[in-house]
PDB file of N, CA and C in Angstrom:
ATOM      1  N   TRP A   1     111.559 120.849  98.748  1.00  0.00           N
ATOM      2  CA  TRP A   1     112.154 120.530  97.806  1.00  0.00           C
ATOM      3  C   TRP A   1     112.227 118.657  98.692  1.00  0.00           C
ATOM      4  N   LYS A   2     111.385 117.742  97.663  1.00  0.00           N
ATOM      5  CA  LYS A   2     111.861 116.364  97.808  1.00  0.00           C
ATOM      6  C   LYS A   2     112.684 115.863  96.653  1.00  0.00           C
ATOM      7  N   VAL A   3     113.687 115.150  98.188  1.00  0.00           N
ATOM      8  CA  VAL A   3     115.308 114.443  97.601  1.00  0.00           C
ATOM      9  C   VAL A   3     115.182 113.111  98.574  1.00  0.00           C
ATOM     10  N   ARG A   4     116.594 113.071  97.435  1.00  0.00           N
ATOM     11  CA  ARG A   4     116.562 111.451  98.123  1.00  0.00           C
ATOM     12  C   ARG A   4     117.828 111.814  98.118  1.00  0.00           C
ATOM     13  N   ILE A   5     118.564 110.901  98.689  1.00  0.00           N
ATOM     14  CA  ILE A   5     120.166 111.448 100.397  1.00  0.00           C
ATOM     15  C   ILE A   5     120.503 109.550  99.879  1.00  0.00           C
ATOM     16  N   THR A   6     121.745 109.577  99.070  1.00  0.00           N
ATOM     17  CA  THR A   6     122.087 108.274  98.892  1.00  0.00           C
ATOM     18  C   THR A   6     122.837 107.787 100.000  1.00  0.00           C
ATOM     19  N   LYS A   7     122.227 106.589 100.717  1.00  0.00           N
ATOM     20  CA  LYS A   7     123.992 106.174 102.119  1.00  0.00           C
ATOM     21  C   LYS A   7     124.685 106.003 102.138  1.00  0.00           C
ATOM     22  N   HIS A   8     125.338 105.814 100.806  1.00  0.00           N
ATOM     23  CA  HIS A   8     126.392 104.933 100.535  1.00  0.00           C
ATOM     24  C   HIS A   8     127.375 105.850  99.798  1.00  0.00           C
ATOM     25  N   ALA A   9     126.983 107.374  98.933  1.00  0.00           N
ATOM     26  CA  ALA A   9     127.694 108.501  98.798  1.00  0.00           C
ATOM     27  C   ALA A   9     127.997 109.797  99.222  1.00  0.00           C
ATOM     28  N   GLY A  10     126.425 109.794 100.062  1.00  0.00           N
ATOM     29  CA  GLY A  10     126.648 111.275 101.008  1.00  0.00           C
ATOM     30  C   GLY A  10     126.821 110.556 102.335  1.00  0.00           C
ATOM     31  N   GLY A  11     126.544 111.914 102.918  1.00  0.00           N
ATOM     32  CA  GLY A  11     126.738 111.735 104.749  1.00  0.00           C
ATOM     33  C   GLY A  11     125.230 110.891 104.905  1.00  0.00           C
ATOM     34  N   ASP A  12     124.255 112.063 106.478  1.00  0.00           N
ATOM     35  CA  ASP A  12     123.513 111.112 106.610  1.00  0.00           C
ATOM     36  C   ASP A  12     122.282 112.714 106.265  1.00  0.00           C
ATOM     37  N   LYS A  13     121.265 112.923 107.062  1.00  0.00           N
ATOM     38  CA  LYS A  13     120.120 113.868 106.662  1.00  0.00           C
ATOM     39  C   LYS A  13     121.113 115.050 107.766  1.00  0.00           C
ATOM     40  N   ALA A  14     121.440 115.200 109.033  1.00  0.00           N
ATOM     41  CA  ALA A  14     121.922 116.644 110.178  1.00  0.00           C
ATOM     42  C   ALA A  14     123.425 117.146 108.654  1.00  0.00           C
ATOM     43  N   GLN A  15     123.755 116.347 108.009  1.00  0.00           N
ATOM     44  CA  GLN A  15     124.948 116.443 107.270  1.00  0.00           C
ATOM     45  C   GLN A  15     124.775 116.998 105.948  1.00  0.00           C
ATOM     46  N   THR A  16     123.729 116.443 104.851  1.00  0.00           N
ATOM     47  CA  THR A  16     122.969 117.568 104.136  1.00  0.00           C
ATOM     48  C   THR A  16     122.672 118.304 104.017  1.00  0.00           C
ATOM     49  N   GLN A  17     121.969 119.197 105.258  1.00  0.00           N
ATOM     50  CA  GLN A  17     120.999 120.439 105.880  1.00  0.00           C
ATOM     51  C   GLN A  17     122.444 121.244 105.821  1.00  0.00           C
ATOM     52  N   ASN A  18     123.250 121.105 106.868  1.00  0.00           N
ATOM     53  CA  ASN A  18     125.078 121.820 106.487  1.00  0.00           C
ATOM     54  C   ASN A  18     125.651 122.331 105.451  1.00  0.00           C
ATOM     55  N   GLU A  19     125.402 121.317 104.398  1.00  0.00           N
ATOM     56  CA  GLU A  19     125.865 120.920 103.228  1.00  0.00           C
ATOM     57  C   GLU A  19     124.527 122.841 102.328  1.00  0.00           C
ATOM     58  N   ILE A  20     123.145 122.252 102.558  1.00  0.00           N
ATOM     59  CA  ILE A  20     122.180 122.996 101.953  1.00  0.00           C
ATOM     60  C   ILE A  20     123.084 124.620 102.274  1.00  0.00           C
ATOM     61  N   ARG A  21     121.927 124.679 104.213  1.00  0.00           N
ATOM     62  CA  ARG A  21     124.003 125.881 104.287  1.00  0.00           C
ATOM     63  C   ARG A  21     124.486 126.633 103.427  1.00  0.00           C
ATOM     64  N   SER A  22     125.090 125.874 103.261  1.00  0.00           N
ATOM     65  CA  SER A  22     126.549 126.326 102.575  1.00  0.00           C
ATOM     66  C   SER A  22     125.780 126.947 101.767  1.00  0.00           C
ATOM     67  N   ILE A  23     124.924 127.408 100.815  1.00  0.00           N
ATOM     68  CA  ILE A  23     124.621 127.859  99.382  1.00  0.00           C
ATOM     69  C   ILE A  23     124.510 128.735 100.122  1.00  0.00           C
ATOM     70  N   PRO A  24     124.642 129.888  99.445  1.00  0.00           N
ATOM     71  CA  PRO A  24     124.500 131.097  99.236  1.00  0.00           C
ATOM     72  C   PRO A  24     123.050 132.235  99.535  1.00  0.00           C
ATOM     73  N   SER A  25     123.063 132.803 100.594  1.00  0.00           N
ATOM     74  CA  SER A  25     121.085 133.735 100.489  1.00  0.00           C
ATOM     75  C   SER A  25     120.454 132.397 101.710  1.00  0.00           C
ATOM     76  N   VAL A  26     120.994 131.427 101.768  1.00  0.00           N
ATOM     77  CA  VAL A  26     119.380 129.815 101.716  1.00  0.00           C
ATOM     78  C   VAL A  26     120.092 130.349 103.757  1.00  0.00           C
ATOM     79  N   THR A  27     118.551 130.231 104.104  1.00  0.00           N
ATOM     80  CA  THR A  27     119.046 130.990 106.018  1.00  0.00           C
ATOM     81  C   THR A  27     118.491 129.734 106.540  1.00  0.00           C
ATOM     82  N   THR A  28     117.432 129.104 105.989  1.00  0.00           N
ATOM     83  CA  THR A  28     116.503 127.856 106.773  1.00  0.00           C
ATOM     84  C   THR A  28     116.600 126.473 105.935  1.00  0.00           C
ATOM     85  N   VAL A  29     116.485 125.484 107.093  1.00  0.00           N
ATOM     86  CA  VAL A  29     117.042 124.483 105.694  1.00  0.00           C
ATOM     87  C   VAL A  29     115.990 123.785 106.979  1.00  0.00           C
ATOM     88  N   ALA A  30     114.584 122.802 107.122  1.00  0.00           N
ATOM     89  CA  ALA A  30     113.948 121.806 107.780  1.00  0.00           C
ATOM     90  C   ALA A  30     113.570 120.660 107.798  1.00  0.00           C
ATOM     91  N   ALA A  31     114.134 119.360 108.163  1.00  0.00           N
ATOM     92  CA  ALA A  31     113.054 118.596 107.270  1.00  0.00           C
ATOM     93  C   ALA A  31     111.683 118.702 107.234  1.00  0.00           C
ATOM     94  N   GLU A  32     110.625 118.144 106.727  1.00  0.00           N
ATOM     95  CA  GLU A  32     109.048 118.085 106.287  1.00  0.00           C
ATOM     96  C   GLU A  32     108.761 116.906 106.495  1.00  0.00           C
ATOM     97  N   GLY A  33     108.976 116.276 108.338  1.00  0.00           N
ATOM     98  CA  GLY A  33     107.245 115.581 108.135  1.00  0.00           C
ATOM     99  C   GLY A  33     108.902 114.120 108.561  1.00  0.00           C
ATOM    100  N   LYS A  34     109.365 112.942 108.192  1.00  0.00           N
ATOM    101  CA  LYS A  34     109.749 112.098 108.551  1.00  0.00           C
ATOM    102  C   LYS A  34     110.558 111.275 107.248  1.00  0.00           C
ATOM    103  N   PHE A  35     111.806 110.892 107.078  1.00  0.00           N
ATOM    104  CA  PHE A  35     112.245 110.724 105.512  1.00  0.00           C
ATOM    105  C   PHE A  35     112.225 109.335 105.986  1.00  0.00           C
ATOM    106  N   GLU A  36     112.356 108.828 104.790  1.00  0.00           N
ATOM    107  CA  GLU A  36     111.451 107.277 103.895  1.00  0.00           C
ATOM    108  C   GLU A  36     113.361 106.891 104.185  1.00  0.00           C
ATOM    109  N   ASP A  37     112.953 105.161 104.954  1.00  0.00           N
ATOM    110  CA  ASP A  37     114.629 105.043 104.694  1.00  0.00           C
ATOM    111  C   ASP A  37     113.909 104.109 102.663  1.00  0.00           C
ATOM    112  N   ALA A  38     114.078 103.698 102.527  1.00  0.00           N
ATOM    113  CA  ALA A  38     114.110 103.401 101.456  1.00  0.00           C
ATOM    114  C   ALA A  38     115.311 102.499 100.137  1.00  0.00           C
ATOM    115  N   GLY A  39     115.513 102.304 101.870  1.00  0.00           N
ATOM    116  CA  GLY A  39     116.843 100.780 100.855  1.00  0.00           C
ATOM    117  C   GLY A  39     118.498 101.261 101.654  1.00  0.00           C
ATOM    118  N   SER A  40     118.835 101.602 100.103  1.00  0.00           N
ATOM    119  CA  SER A  40     119.934 102.343  99.712  1.00  0.00           C
ATOM    120  C   SER A  40     120.265 103.739 100.053  1.00  0.00           C
ATOM    121  N   ALA A  41     119.115 104.681 100.291  1.00  0.00           N
ATOM    122  CA  ALA A  41     118.643 105.396 100.872  1.00  0.00           C
ATOM    123  C   ALA A  41     118.081 105.733 101.037  1.00  0.00           C
ATOM    124  N   PHE A  42     117.424 107.316 101.600  1.00  0.00           N
ATOM    125  CA  PHE A  42     116.654 108.239 102.544  1.00  0.00           C
ATOM    126  C   PHE A  42     115.771 109.080 101.402  1.00  0.00           C
ATOM    127  N   VAL A  43     114.317 109.478 101.627  1.00  0.00           N
ATOM    128  CA  VAL A  43     113.414 109.881 100.668  1.00  0.00           C
ATOM    129  C   VAL A  43     113.359 110.897 101.476  1.00  0.00           C
ATOM    130  N   GLY A  44     112.714 112.286 101.514  1.00  0.00           N
ATOM    131  CA  GLY A  44     112.536 112.968 102.231  1.00  0.00           C
ATOM    132  C   GLY A  44     111.981 113.929 101.883  1.00  0.00           C
ATOM    133  N   VAL A  45     111.370 115.137 102.431  1.00  0.00           N
ATOM    134  CA  VAL A  45     111.323 116.335 102.208  1.00  0.00           C
ATOM    135  C   VAL A  45     111.994 117.574 102.915  1.00  0.00           C
ATOM    136  N   PHE A  46     112.182 118.294 102.283  1.00  0.00           N
ATOM    137  CA  PHE A  46     113.655 119.818 103.642  1.00  0.00           C
ATOM    138  C   PHE A  46     112.795 121.186 102.160  1.00  0.00           C
ATOM    139  N   LYS A  47     112.510 122.121 103.114  1.00  0.00           N
ATOM    140  CA  LYS A  47     111.645 122.515 103.767  1.00  0.00           C
ATOM    141  C   LYS A  47     112.839 123.399 102.972  1.00  0.00           C
ATOM    142  N   ILE A  48     113.413 124.535 102.161  1.00  0.00           N
ATOM    143  CA  ILE A  48     114.304 125.730 102.046  1.00  0.00           C
ATOM    144  C   ILE A  48     113.566 126.970 101.433  1.00  0.00           C
ATOM    145  N   LYS A  49     114.650 127.716 102.657  1.00  0.00           N
ATOM    146  CA  LYS A  49     114.894 129.238 103.149  1.00  0.00           C
ATOM    147  C   LYS A  49     115.633 130.340 102.618  1.00  0.00           C
ATOM    148  N   PHE A  50     115.750 130.999 101.948  1.00  0.00           N
ATOM    149  CA  PHE A  50     116.225 131.839 101.072  1.00  0.00           C
ATOM    150  C   PHE A  50     116.182 133.518 100.997  1.00  0.00           C
ATOM    151  N   ALA A  51     116.894 134.329 101.515  1.00  0.00           N
ATOM    152  CA  ALA A  51     116.401 135.701 101.654  1.00  0.00           C
ATOM    153  C   ALA A  51     117.596 136.531  99.882  1.00  0.00           C
ATOM    154  N   LEU A  52     116.724 137.044  99.785  1.00  0.00           N
ATOM    155  CA  LEU A  52     118.625 138.249  98.695  1.00  0.00           C
ATOM    156  C   LEU A  52     117.358 139.442  98.886  1.00  0.00           C
ATOM    157  N   GLU A  53     119.025 140.053  98.281  1.00  0.00           N
ATOM    158  CA  GLU A  53     117.798 141.167  98.934  1.00  0.00           C
ATOM    159  C   GLU A  53     117.517 142.087  96.568  1.00  0.00           C
ATOM    160  N   ARG A  54     117.844 141.773  96.066  1.00  0.00           N
ATOM    161  CA  ARG A  54     116.471 141.264  95.148  1.00  0.00           C
ATOM    162  C   ARG A  54     115.373 140.548  94.794  1.00  0.00           C
ATOM    163  N   PRO A  55     113.995 140.298  95.868  1.00  0.00           N
ATOM    164  CA  PRO A  55     113.294 139.534  95.335  1.00  0.00           C
ATOM    165  C   PRO A  55     113.324 139.679  93.650  1.00  0.00           C
ATOM    166  N   GLU A  56     112.769 140.516  93.451  1.00  0.00           N
ATOM    167  CA  GLU A  56     112.919 139.999  91.557  1.00  0.00           C
ATOM    168  C   GLU A  56     113.676 138.639  91.014  1.00  0.00           C
ATOM    169  N   LYS A  57     114.745 138.555  91.996  1.00  0.00           N
ATOM    170  CA  LYS A  57     115.709 137.737  90.683  1.00  0.00           C
ATOM    171  C   LYS A  57     115.566 136.830  91.503  1.00  0.00           C
ATOM    172  N   LYS A  58     114.699 136.178  92.559  1.00  0.00           N
ATOM    173  CA  LYS A  58     113.935 134.711  92.351  1.00  0.00           C
ATOM    174  C   LYS A  58     114.127 134.019  91.532  1.00  0.00           C
ATOM    175  N   ASN A  59     113.656 133.608  91.219  1.00  0.00           N
ATOM    176  CA  ASN A  59     114.043 132.527  89.759  1.00  0.00           C
ATOM    177  C   ASN A  59     115.145 132.523  89.174  1.00  0.00           C
ATOM    178  N   GLN A  60     115.799 133.987  89.113  1.00  0.00           N
ATOM    179  CA  GLN A  60     117.410 133.982  88.198  1.00  0.00           C
ATOM    180  C   GLN A  60     118.305 132.953  89.293  1.00  0.00           C
ATOM    181  N   TYR A  61     118.192 133.315  91.125  1.00  0.00           N
ATOM    182  CA  TYR A  61     118.720 132.711  91.524  1.00  0.00           C
ATOM    183  C   TYR A  61     118.323 131.259  91.601  1.00  0.00           C
ATOM    184  N   ILE A  62     117.487 130.610  91.891  1.00  0.00           N
ATOM    185  CA  ILE A  62     117.111 129.281  92.131  1.00  0.00           C
ATOM    186  C   ILE A  62     117.934 128.546  90.970  1.00  0.00           C
ATOM    187  N   ASP A  63     117.353 129.617  89.620  1.00  0.00           N
ATOM    188  CA  ASP A  63     117.801 128.596  88.093  1.00  0.00           C
ATOM    189  C   ASP A  63     120.026 128.808  88.681  1.00  0.00           C
ATOM    190  N   THR A  64     120.443 129.234  89.189  1.00  0.00           N
ATOM    191  CA  THR A  64     121.934 129.692  88.771  1.00  0.00           C
ATOM    192  C   THR A  64     122.631 129.267  89.923  1.00  0.00           C
ATOM    193  N   ILE A  65     121.779 129.596  91.222  1.00  0.00           N
ATOM    194  CA  ILE A  65     123.292 129.913  92.698  1.00  0.00           C
ATOM    195  C   ILE A  65     122.164 128.291  93.058  1.00  0.00           C
ATOM    196  N   LEU A  66     121.048 128.355  93.063  1.00  0.00           N
ATOM    197  CA  LEU A  66     120.949 127.136  94.462  1.00  0.00           C
ATOM    198  C   LEU A  66     119.847 126.239  93.873  1.00  0.00           C
ATOM    199  N   LYS A  67     119.603 125.782  92.133  1.00  0.00           N
ATOM    200  CA  LYS A  67     120.125 124.234  91.742  1.00  0.00           C
ATOM    201  C   LYS A  67     120.915 124.280  92.313  1.00  0.00           C
ATOM    202  N   PRO A  68     122.144 124.393  91.174  1.00  0.00           N
ATOM    203  CA  PRO A  68     122.755 124.321  91.196  1.00  0.00           C
ATOM    204  C   PRO A  68     123.926 123.890  91.776  1.00  0.00           C
ATOM    205  N   GLY A  69     123.434 124.660  93.353  1.00  0.00           N
ATOM    206  CA  GLY A  69     124.398 124.879  94.112  1.00  0.00           C
ATOM    207  C   GLY A  69     123.974 123.283  94.576  1.00  0.00           C
ATOM    208  N   LEU A  70     122.780 122.533  94.568  1.00  0.00           N
ATOM    209  CA  LEU A  70     121.626 121.635  95.058  1.00  0.00           C
ATOM    210  C   LEU A  70     122.334 120.242  94.439  1.00  0.00           C
ATOM    211  N   LYS A  71     122.711 120.623  92.709  1.00  0.00           N
ATOM    212  CA  LYS A  71     123.232 119.698  92.082  1.00  0.00           C
ATOM    213  C   LYS A  71     124.731 118.766  93.356  1.00  0.00           C
ATOM    214  N   LYS A  72     125.554 119.774  93.813  1.00  0.00           N
ATOM    215  CA  LYS A  72     127.580 119.503  93.145  1.00  0.00           C
ATOM    216  C   LYS A  72     127.452 118.856  94.578  1.00  0.00           C
ATOM    217  N   ILE A  73     126.433 119.000  96.286  1.00  0.00           N
ATOM    218  CA  ILE A  73     126.122 118.364  97.037  1.00  0.00           C
ATOM    219  C   ILE A  73     125.737 116.125  97.004  1.00  0.00           C
ATOM    220  N   LYS A  74     127.810 116.194  97.150  1.00  0.00           N
ATOM    221  CA  LYS A  74     127.511 114.490  97.299  1.00  0.00           C
ATOM    222  C   LYS A  74     126.215 113.539  97.967  1.00  0.00           C
ATOM    223  N   GLY A  75     125.776 112.724  96.067  1.00  0.00           N
ATOM    224  CA  GLY A  75     124.949 111.586  97.232  1.00  0.00           C
ATOM    225  C   GLY A  75     123.480 112.647  96.972  1.00  0.00           C
ATOM    226  N   LEU A  76     122.944 114.007  97.127  1.00  0.00           N
ATOM    227  CA  LEU A  76     121.608 114.346  97.222  1.00  0.00           C
ATOM    228  C   LEU A  76     121.357 114.316  95.526  1.00  0.00           C
ATOM    229  N   SER A  77     119.620 113.314  95.185  1.00  0.00           N
ATOM    230  CA  SER A  77     118.921 113.866  94.310  1.00  0.00           C
ATOM    231  C   SER A  77     118.246 114.691  94.625  1.00  0.00           C
ATOM    232  N   ILE A  78     117.290 116.009  94.110  1.00  0.00           N
ATOM    233  CA  ILE A  78     116.038 116.808  93.644  1.00  0.00           C
ATOM    234  C   ILE A  78     115.381 115.673  93.042  1.00  0.00           C
ATOM    235  N   ILE A  79     114.004 115.178  93.279  1.00  0.00           N
ATOM    236  CA  ILE A  79     113.160 114.070  92.419  1.00  0.00           C
ATOM    237  C   ILE A  79     112.577 115.661  92.855  1.00  0.00           C
ATOM    238  N   GLY A  80     111.261 116.800  93.093  1.00  0.00           N
ATOM    239  CA  GLY A  80     110.909 118.043  92.916  1.00  0.00           C
ATOM    240  C   GLY A  80     110.599 118.190  94.052  1.00  0.00           C
ATOM    241  N   LEU A  81     109.434 119.409  93.235  1.00  0.00           N
ATOM    242  CA  LEU A  81     109.103 120.995  93.358  1.00  0.00           C
ATOM    243  C   LEU A  81     108.222 120.525  94.374  1.00  0.00           C
ATOM    244  N   LYS A  82     107.568 120.779  95.210  1.00  0.00           N
ATOM    245  CA  LYS A  82     106.623 120.975  96.714  1.00  0.00           C
ATOM    246  C   LYS A  82     106.973 122.864  96.260  1.00  0.00           C
ATOM    247  N   GLY A  83     107.273 123.435  96.858  1.00  0.00           N
ATOM    248  CA  GLY A  83     107.200 124.998  96.320  1.00  0.00           C
ATOM    249  C   GLY A  83     108.565 126.007  97.278  1.00  0.00           C
ATOM    250  N   ILE A  84     108.651 126.375  97.073  1.00  0.00           N
ATOM    251  CA  ILE A  84     109.535 126.866  96.881  1.00  0.00           C
ATOM    252  C   ILE A  84     109.529 128.421  98.271  1.00  0.00           C
ATOM    253  N   GLU A  85     110.249 129.337  98.976  1.00  0.00           N
ATOM    254  CA  GLU A  85     109.593 129.749 100.435  1.00  0.00           C
ATOM    255  C   GLU A  85     111.007 130.839  99.682  1.00  0.00           C
ATOM    256  N   GLN A  86     110.327 131.992  98.995  1.00  0.00           N
ATOM    257  CA  GLN A  86     111.188 133.752  99.758  1.00  0.00           C
ATOM    258  C   GLN A  86     110.781 134.215 100.642  1.00  0.00           C
ATOM    259  N   ILE A  87     112.505 134.050 101.989  1.00  0.00           N
ATOM    260  CA  ILE A  87     111.967 135.778 102.187  1.00  0.00           C
ATOM    261  C   ILE A  87     112.057 136.543 102.598  1.00  0.00           C
ATOM    262  N   LYS A  88     111.357 137.553 103.059  1.00  0.00           N
ATOM    263  CA  LYS A  88     110.904 138.806 102.328  1.00  0.00           C
ATOM    264  C   LYS A  88     112.220 140.060 102.812  1.00  0.00           C
TER     265      LYS A  88
END
């Protein structure tokens, strides 16, 4: 997931990763490469992995839990999706 972390509104990268990990079923959050300092924000890619009891519910999980959970994190904006990985 390509994201923007606003410096004055949210925490730093590590705090944001911890908040993402608190979303139900998220197992791993890792920075993919370096985050770019874009003045008032950091921009980069987080690799987010999750595990579901019912793998066929992946799209429902993303739409009803993961995306809303990410949107609740102060200072975090989703710029784009690079790939979605589900642990089976």
